[in-house]
Every structure is written in C-alpha cells, then in structure tokens.
Amino acid sequence: MIDKQRILAKIDELDKYLYEIQSIAPKDFEDFKRIEIKRSSERLLQLSIECIIDICKIIVSNLKLGLPSEENDLFDKMEREKIITEEMALILKEMKGFRNILVHEYTEVDDEIVYSVIKNRLDDFKKFKKQIIDWMG
C-alpha cells in the first residue's frame, strides 16, 4: 500500500524549497557570487534533492521492492517498476552525485555548476514531481 499522504507531504516540502530557490534566484552570475545567495542556493538545492530521495525511499519501501544497496539502486528499482522513466533515473543519479558534492565537499563546489543548475535544471524537479503524481493517479 502506498502512503500517498507522506509522498504528498514531501512533494509539498519540495515545492516550498523550489519556490524559495526561485525567490532568491540571482539575475546573473555576479549576483550569484554574493555569499548569502550562493550559500542559500546550495542549501536549498541540497534540501530539494534530499526530498526527492526521501520520496523514492518511501515508494520503494511501500512497494516492498527490496532494500537498496545504495541510493542509485532506488532509482533503478523505480525505473524497473515504470514509476519513473529511464531518463529520469539518470537525472536523479546526477542529482544525487551533485548533492553529495554539496554535502560532503568531495571536490571544491564549482559555483558555475550551481548557478547553471539554478538557471537551467529546476525543471528536472518539476518533471520528477509530475511523474510521481501521474503514477499515484
């Protein structure tokens, strides 16, 4: 049984973060370099990606698709069940890798990449949300 209420609550949380990102979105790269914009953007992207991962965990757990060995396995399981598309699974893997850089600073965070995500990739979050809502019916 799918816990639609938990999933919808996480989607609402995701919407809140995306709204906040859009409300502080810099007008250009120079504006982005302001420390309060830069750090806020990084944190809001991290929280948005974590919402998506949480939604995936809820779905995989509710459907009893097995314990994922790692987060990428969540996306593969959901793709196999036709919950998300193959393209979305790849996007989610990229998001997870980006989140790991933001959180764990495996490498120096590239400001141009963060700026580019804000300017060009926020629709990926909306596409994920649509696929989940369509799947839930």
N, C-alpha and C. Protein backbone atom coordinates (compact mmCIF):
# COMPACT_ATOMS: atom_id res chain seq x y z
N MET A 1 0.84 -1.19 0.00
CA MET A 1 0.00 0.00 0.00
C MET A 1 0.89 1.25 0.00
N ILE A 2 0.54 2.18 -0.82
CA ILE A 2 1.33 3.41 -0.96
C ILE A 2 0.85 4.46 0.04
N ASP A 3 1.78 5.02 0.77
CA ASP A 3 1.48 6.08 1.73
C ASP A 3 1.46 7.42 0.98
N LYS A 4 0.33 7.66 0.30
CA LYS A 4 0.22 8.85 -0.53
C LYS A 4 0.36 10.13 0.29
N GLN A 5 -0.13 10.11 1.52
CA GLN A 5 -0.05 11.31 2.36
C GLN A 5 1.41 11.71 2.61
N ARG A 6 2.25 10.73 2.93
CA ARG A 6 3.68 11.03 3.16
C ARG A 6 4.35 11.53 1.89
N ILE A 7 4.00 10.90 0.78
CA ILE A 7 4.59 11.32 -0.50
C ILE A 7 4.14 12.74 -0.84
N LEU A 8 2.86 13.02 -0.67
CA LEU A 8 2.35 14.36 -0.97
C LEU A 8 2.94 15.40 -0.02
N ALA A 9 3.16 15.03 1.24
CA ALA A 9 3.79 15.95 2.19
C ALA A 9 5.21 16.28 1.73
N LYS A 10 5.94 15.27 1.25
CA LYS A 10 7.30 15.50 0.75
C LYS A 10 7.27 16.34 -0.54
N ILE A 11 6.27 16.13 -1.38
CA ILE A 11 6.14 16.95 -2.58
C ILE A 11 5.86 18.40 -2.20
N ASP A 12 5.02 18.60 -1.19
CA ASP A 12 4.78 19.98 -0.71
C ASP A 12 6.06 20.61 -0.19
N GLU A 13 6.85 19.83 0.54
CA GLU A 13 8.13 20.32 1.05
C GLU A 13 9.05 20.69 -0.12
N LEU A 14 9.10 19.83 -1.13
CA LEU A 14 9.90 20.10 -2.33
C LEU A 14 9.44 21.39 -3.00
N ASP A 15 8.13 21.56 -3.13
CA ASP A 15 7.60 22.78 -3.74
C ASP A 15 8.04 24.02 -2.97
N LYS A 16 8.04 23.91 -1.64
CA LYS A 16 8.45 25.04 -0.81
C LYS A 16 9.91 25.41 -1.09
N TYR A 17 10.78 24.41 -1.17
CA TYR A 17 12.19 24.68 -1.44
C TYR A 17 12.39 25.27 -2.83
N LEU A 18 11.67 24.74 -3.82
CA LEU A 18 11.79 25.25 -5.18
C LEU A 18 11.30 26.70 -5.26
N TYR A 19 10.23 27.00 -4.54
CA TYR A 19 9.74 28.38 -4.50
C TYR A 19 10.81 29.29 -3.90
N GLU A 20 11.44 28.83 -2.82
CA GLU A 20 12.48 29.63 -2.18
C GLU A 20 13.67 29.84 -3.10
N ILE A 21 14.05 28.79 -3.83
CA ILE A 21 15.16 28.92 -4.79
C ILE A 21 14.80 29.98 -5.83
N GLN A 22 13.60 29.89 -6.36
CA GLN A 22 13.18 30.85 -7.39
C GLN A 22 13.10 32.27 -6.84
N SER A 23 12.74 32.39 -5.56
CA SER A 23 12.60 33.73 -4.99
C SER A 23 13.95 34.41 -4.76
N ILE A 24 15.01 33.62 -4.61
CA ILE A 24 16.35 34.21 -4.41
C ILE A 24 17.23 34.07 -5.65
N ALA A 25 16.68 33.48 -6.70
CA ALA A 25 17.48 33.22 -7.90
C ALA A 25 18.19 34.48 -8.36
N PRO A 26 19.49 34.38 -8.53
CA PRO A 26 20.27 35.55 -8.95
C PRO A 26 19.94 35.94 -10.39
N LYS A 27 20.06 37.24 -10.66
CA LYS A 27 19.77 37.71 -12.02
C LYS A 27 20.92 37.39 -12.97
N ASP A 28 22.13 37.24 -12.41
CA ASP A 28 23.29 36.89 -13.23
C ASP A 28 24.35 36.25 -12.33
N PHE A 29 25.43 35.82 -12.95
CA PHE A 29 26.47 35.09 -12.20
C PHE A 29 27.13 35.98 -11.15
N GLU A 30 27.30 37.24 -11.44
CA GLU A 30 27.90 38.16 -10.46
C GLU A 30 27.02 38.25 -9.21
N ASP A 31 25.72 38.32 -9.41
CA ASP A 31 24.77 38.36 -8.29
C ASP A 31 24.86 37.05 -7.49
N PHE A 32 25.02 35.94 -8.21
CA PHE A 32 25.13 34.63 -7.55
C PHE A 32 26.32 34.57 -6.60
N LYS A 33 27.39 35.23 -6.93
CA LYS A 33 28.62 35.16 -6.14
C LYS A 33 28.47 35.78 -4.75
N ARG A 34 27.42 36.57 -4.54
CA ARG A 34 27.18 37.11 -3.20
C ARG A 34 27.00 35.93 -2.26
N ILE A 35 27.73 35.93 -1.17
CA ILE A 35 27.81 34.76 -0.30
C ILE A 35 26.44 34.29 0.19
N GLU A 36 25.55 35.23 0.51
CA GLU A 36 24.24 34.81 1.02
C GLU A 36 23.40 34.14 -0.06
N ILE A 37 23.55 34.58 -1.31
CA ILE A 37 22.84 33.94 -2.42
C ILE A 37 23.45 32.57 -2.72
N LYS A 38 24.76 32.54 -2.78
CA LYS A 38 25.48 31.30 -3.10
C LYS A 38 25.17 30.21 -2.07
N ARG A 39 25.34 30.51 -0.81
CA ARG A 39 25.13 29.50 0.25
C ARG A 39 23.67 29.10 0.37
N SER A 40 22.77 30.07 0.23
CA SER A 40 21.34 29.75 0.28
C SER A 40 20.96 28.84 -0.88
N SER A 41 21.47 29.15 -2.05
CA SER A 41 21.18 28.34 -3.24
C SER A 41 21.68 26.91 -3.06
N GLU A 42 22.91 26.77 -2.58
CA GLU A 42 23.48 25.44 -2.37
C GLU A 42 22.62 24.64 -1.39
N ARG A 43 22.26 25.26 -0.28
CA ARG A 43 21.48 24.56 0.76
C ARG A 43 20.09 24.18 0.26
N LEU A 44 19.44 25.09 -0.44
CA LEU A 44 18.10 24.79 -0.94
C LEU A 44 18.13 23.70 -2.01
N LEU A 45 19.16 23.68 -2.84
CA LEU A 45 19.29 22.58 -3.80
C LEU A 45 19.51 21.25 -3.09
N GLN A 46 20.36 21.27 -2.07
CA GLN A 46 20.61 20.06 -1.29
C GLN A 46 19.30 19.54 -0.68
N LEU A 47 18.54 20.41 -0.05
CA LEU A 47 17.28 20.00 0.58
C LEU A 47 16.27 19.50 -0.45
N SER A 48 16.24 20.13 -1.61
CA SER A 48 15.33 19.70 -2.67
C SER A 48 15.67 18.29 -3.15
N ILE A 49 16.94 18.04 -3.35
CA ILE A 49 17.38 16.71 -3.80
C ILE A 49 17.09 15.67 -2.71
N GLU A 50 17.30 16.03 -1.47
CA GLU A 50 17.02 15.10 -0.38
C GLU A 50 15.53 14.77 -0.30
N CYS A 51 14.67 15.72 -0.62
CA CYS A 51 13.22 15.45 -0.68
C CYS A 51 12.93 14.39 -1.74
N ILE A 52 13.56 14.53 -2.89
CA ILE A 52 13.36 13.56 -3.96
C ILE A 52 13.82 12.17 -3.52
N ILE A 53 14.98 12.11 -2.90
CA ILE A 53 15.49 10.81 -2.41
C ILE A 53 14.53 10.23 -1.38
N ASP A 54 14.01 11.07 -0.49
CA ASP A 54 13.05 10.59 0.51
C ASP A 54 11.79 10.04 -0.14
N ILE A 55 11.29 10.71 -1.16
CA ILE A 55 10.10 10.22 -1.89
C ILE A 55 10.39 8.85 -2.49
N CYS A 56 11.56 8.71 -3.09
CA CYS A 56 11.94 7.43 -3.69
C CYS A 56 12.03 6.33 -2.62
N LYS A 57 12.59 6.66 -1.47
CA LYS A 57 12.69 5.68 -0.39
C LYS A 57 11.31 5.24 0.09
N ILE A 58 10.39 6.18 0.21
CA ILE A 58 9.03 5.84 0.64
C ILE A 58 8.39 4.89 -0.36
N ILE A 59 8.50 5.20 -1.64
CA ILE A 59 7.87 4.37 -2.67
C ILE A 59 8.48 2.98 -2.70
N VAL A 60 9.81 2.90 -2.71
CA VAL A 60 10.48 1.59 -2.76
C VAL A 60 10.12 0.76 -1.53
N SER A 61 10.07 1.38 -0.38
CA SER A 61 9.71 0.68 0.85
C SER A 61 8.25 0.23 0.81
N ASN A 62 7.35 1.13 0.43
CA ASN A 62 5.92 0.79 0.39
C ASN A 62 5.62 -0.35 -0.58
N LEU A 63 6.34 -0.38 -1.69
CA LEU A 63 6.11 -1.43 -2.69
C LEU A 63 6.90 -2.71 -2.38
N LYS A 64 7.68 -2.65 -1.29
CA LYS A 64 8.50 -3.81 -0.89
C LYS A 64 9.36 -4.32 -2.04
N LEU A 65 10.10 -3.36 -2.64
CA LEU A 65 10.96 -3.69 -3.78
C LEU A 65 12.34 -4.16 -3.34
N GLY A 66 12.52 -4.35 -2.05
CA GLY A 66 13.81 -4.81 -1.54
C GLY A 66 14.64 -3.66 -1.03
N LEU A 67 15.59 -4.01 -0.20
CA LEU A 67 16.48 -2.99 0.36
C LEU A 67 17.48 -2.55 -0.71
N PRO A 68 17.53 -1.26 -0.96
CA PRO A 68 18.53 -0.79 -1.93
C PRO A 68 19.92 -0.86 -1.33
N SER A 69 20.89 -1.26 -2.13
CA SER A 69 22.26 -1.32 -1.64
C SER A 69 22.87 0.08 -1.57
N GLU A 70 22.34 0.99 -2.38
CA GLU A 70 22.77 2.39 -2.37
C GLU A 70 21.64 3.21 -2.97
N GLU A 71 21.75 4.52 -2.86
CA GLU A 71 20.66 5.38 -3.34
C GLU A 71 20.40 5.22 -4.83
N ASN A 72 21.43 5.02 -5.64
CA ASN A 72 21.21 4.82 -7.08
C ASN A 72 20.31 3.63 -7.34
N ASP A 73 20.38 2.63 -6.47
CA ASP A 73 19.55 1.44 -6.60
C ASP A 73 18.06 1.80 -6.46
N LEU A 74 17.76 2.80 -5.66
CA LEU A 74 16.37 3.28 -5.54
C LEU A 74 15.82 3.66 -6.91
N PHE A 75 16.62 4.43 -7.63
CA PHE A 75 16.17 4.94 -8.92
C PHE A 75 16.03 3.81 -9.94
N ASP A 76 16.94 2.84 -9.89
CA ASP A 76 16.86 1.68 -10.79
C ASP A 76 15.60 0.87 -10.51
N LYS A 77 15.29 0.66 -9.23
CA LYS A 77 14.09 -0.10 -8.86
C LYS A 77 12.83 0.62 -9.34
N MET A 78 12.81 1.93 -9.20
CA MET A 78 11.64 2.69 -9.64
C MET A 78 11.51 2.69 -11.15
N GLU A 79 12.63 2.72 -11.84
CA GLU A 79 12.59 2.65 -13.31
C GLU A 79 12.07 1.29 -13.75
N ARG A 80 12.55 0.21 -13.13
CA ARG A 80 12.10 -1.14 -13.48
C ARG A 80 10.59 -1.30 -13.28
N GLU A 81 10.05 -0.62 -12.28
CA GLU A 81 8.61 -0.70 -11.99
C GLU A 81 7.80 0.30 -12.82
N LYS A 82 8.47 1.04 -13.72
CA LYS A 82 7.82 2.03 -14.60
C LYS A 82 7.19 3.19 -13.81
N ILE A 83 7.77 3.50 -12.66
CA ILE A 83 7.32 4.64 -11.87
C ILE A 83 7.93 5.92 -12.43
N ILE A 84 9.20 5.82 -12.82
CA ILE A 84 9.90 6.92 -13.47
C ILE A 84 10.50 6.39 -14.77
N THR A 85 10.82 7.31 -15.66
CA THR A 85 11.41 6.93 -16.93
C THR A 85 12.91 6.66 -16.76
N GLU A 86 13.49 6.04 -17.77
CA GLU A 86 14.93 5.81 -17.77
C GLU A 86 15.68 7.14 -17.72
N GLU A 87 15.18 8.11 -18.49
CA GLU A 87 15.80 9.44 -18.49
C GLU A 87 15.77 10.05 -17.08
N MET A 88 14.64 9.92 -16.39
CA MET A 88 14.53 10.48 -15.04
C MET A 88 15.47 9.76 -14.09
N ALA A 89 15.61 8.45 -14.22
CA ALA A 89 16.53 7.72 -13.35
C ALA A 89 17.95 8.26 -13.51
N LEU A 90 18.35 8.55 -14.74
CA LEU A 90 19.69 9.12 -14.97
C LEU A 90 19.81 10.52 -14.36
N ILE A 91 18.78 11.32 -14.52
CA ILE A 91 18.77 12.67 -13.93
C ILE A 91 18.90 12.58 -12.41
N LEU A 92 18.17 11.65 -11.80
CA LEU A 92 18.21 11.51 -10.34
C LEU A 92 19.59 11.06 -9.86
N LYS A 93 20.23 10.22 -10.63
CA LYS A 93 21.60 9.80 -10.27
C LYS A 93 22.55 11.00 -10.32
N GLU A 94 22.38 11.85 -11.33
CA GLU A 94 23.20 13.07 -11.41
C GLU A 94 22.91 13.98 -10.21
N MET A 95 21.63 14.13 -9.88
CA MET A 95 21.25 14.96 -8.74
C MET A 95 21.89 14.45 -7.45
N LYS A 96 21.82 13.14 -7.26
CA LYS A 96 22.39 12.56 -6.05
C LYS A 96 23.89 12.82 -5.98
N GLY A 97 24.58 12.69 -7.10
CA GLY A 97 26.01 12.98 -7.13
C GLY A 97 26.30 14.43 -6.82
N PHE A 98 25.47 15.32 -7.36
CA PHE A 98 25.61 16.75 -7.09
C PHE A 98 25.36 17.04 -5.61
N ARG A 99 24.33 16.41 -5.05
CA ARG A 99 24.04 16.58 -3.62
C ARG A 99 25.23 16.12 -2.78
N ASN A 100 25.84 15.01 -3.15
CA ASN A 100 27.00 14.51 -2.39
C ASN A 100 28.15 15.51 -2.41
N ILE A 101 28.35 16.16 -3.54
CA ILE A 101 29.40 17.18 -3.61
C ILE A 101 29.05 18.34 -2.68
N LEU A 102 27.78 18.77 -2.71
CA LEU A 102 27.36 19.88 -1.86
C LEU A 102 27.51 19.54 -0.37
N VAL A 103 27.15 18.33 0.00
CA VAL A 103 27.14 17.93 1.41
C VAL A 103 28.53 17.56 1.90
N HIS A 104 29.19 16.73 1.13
CA HIS A 104 30.45 16.14 1.60
C HIS A 104 31.68 16.85 1.06
N GLU A 105 31.46 17.78 0.14
CA GLU A 105 32.55 18.52 -0.47
C GLU A 105 33.69 17.59 -0.91
N TYR A 106 33.29 16.53 -1.65
CA TYR A 106 34.29 15.62 -2.19
C TYR A 106 35.29 16.38 -3.04
N THR A 107 34.78 17.38 -3.72
CA THR A 107 35.63 18.26 -4.52
C THR A 107 35.18 19.67 -4.20
N GLU A 108 35.92 20.62 -4.62
CA GLU A 108 35.52 22.01 -4.43
C GLU A 108 34.22 22.24 -5.20
N VAL A 109 33.25 22.86 -4.57
CA VAL A 109 31.98 23.15 -5.23
C VAL A 109 32.22 24.20 -6.31
N ASP A 110 31.82 23.87 -7.52
CA ASP A 110 32.01 24.76 -8.66
C ASP A 110 30.81 25.71 -8.74
N ASP A 111 31.06 26.98 -8.48
CA ASP A 111 29.99 27.97 -8.48
C ASP A 111 29.24 28.03 -9.80
N GLU A 112 29.94 27.86 -10.89
CA GLU A 112 29.30 27.93 -12.20
C GLU A 112 28.31 26.79 -12.39
N ILE A 113 28.62 25.62 -11.83
CA ILE A 113 27.69 24.49 -11.94
C ILE A 113 26.44 24.75 -11.11
N VAL A 114 26.63 25.23 -9.88
CA VAL A 114 25.47 25.54 -9.03
C VAL A 114 24.59 26.58 -9.71
N TYR A 115 25.21 27.62 -10.24
CA TYR A 115 24.47 28.68 -10.93
C TYR A 115 23.72 28.09 -12.14
N SER A 116 24.38 27.25 -12.89
CA SER A 116 23.76 26.63 -14.06
C SER A 116 22.57 25.77 -13.67
N VAL A 117 22.68 25.04 -12.57
CA VAL A 117 21.56 24.21 -12.11
C VAL A 117 20.35 25.10 -11.80
N ILE A 118 20.60 26.20 -11.11
CA ILE A 118 19.51 27.11 -10.76
C ILE A 118 18.87 27.70 -12.01
N LYS A 119 19.69 28.06 -12.97
CA LYS A 119 19.17 28.70 -14.19
C LYS A 119 18.55 27.71 -15.18
N ASN A 120 19.07 26.46 -15.22
CA ASN A 120 18.70 25.56 -16.31
C ASN A 120 18.11 24.21 -15.93
N ARG A 121 18.18 23.82 -14.66
CA ARG A 121 17.79 22.46 -14.32
C ARG A 121 16.66 22.33 -13.30
N LEU A 122 16.05 23.42 -12.90
CA LEU A 122 14.96 23.33 -11.92
C LEU A 122 13.76 22.58 -12.49
N ASP A 123 13.61 22.59 -13.80
CA ASP A 123 12.51 21.83 -14.42
C ASP A 123 12.64 20.33 -14.16
N ASP A 124 13.85 19.84 -13.93
CA ASP A 124 14.03 18.42 -13.62
C ASP A 124 13.24 18.04 -12.37
N PHE A 125 13.20 18.93 -11.39
CA PHE A 125 12.44 18.67 -10.17
C PHE A 125 10.94 18.59 -10.49
N LYS A 126 10.48 19.48 -11.35
CA LYS A 126 9.07 19.50 -11.73
C LYS A 126 8.70 18.26 -12.54
N LYS A 127 9.60 17.81 -13.40
CA LYS A 127 9.36 16.60 -14.19
C LYS A 127 9.25 15.38 -13.27
N PHE A 128 10.13 15.31 -12.26
CA PHE A 128 10.07 14.21 -11.29
C PHE A 128 8.72 14.24 -10.58
N LYS A 129 8.35 15.40 -10.08
CA LYS A 129 7.08 15.56 -9.36
C LYS A 129 5.91 15.10 -10.24
N LYS A 130 5.90 15.48 -11.50
CA LYS A 130 4.82 15.09 -12.41
C LYS A 130 4.78 13.58 -12.60
N GLN A 131 5.94 12.96 -12.77
CA GLN A 131 5.96 11.50 -12.95
C GLN A 131 5.42 10.79 -11.72
N ILE A 132 5.74 11.28 -10.54
CA ILE A 132 5.26 10.66 -9.31
C ILE A 132 3.76 10.85 -9.15
N ILE A 133 3.29 12.05 -9.38
CA ILE A 133 1.85 12.33 -9.26
C ILE A 133 1.06 11.54 -10.30
N ASP A 134 1.56 11.48 -11.53
CA ASP A 134 0.90 10.67 -12.57
C ASP A 134 0.85 9.20 -12.16
N TRP A 135 1.94 8.70 -11.62
CA TRP A 135 2.00 7.29 -11.20
C TRP A 135 1.01 7.01 -10.07
N MET A 136 0.89 7.94 -9.12
CA MET A 136 -0.03 7.72 -7.99
C MET A 136 -1.49 7.78 -8.46
N GLY A 137 -1.71 8.44 -9.61
CA GLY A 137 -3.07 8.51 -10.14
C GLY A 137 -3.88 9.51 -9.41
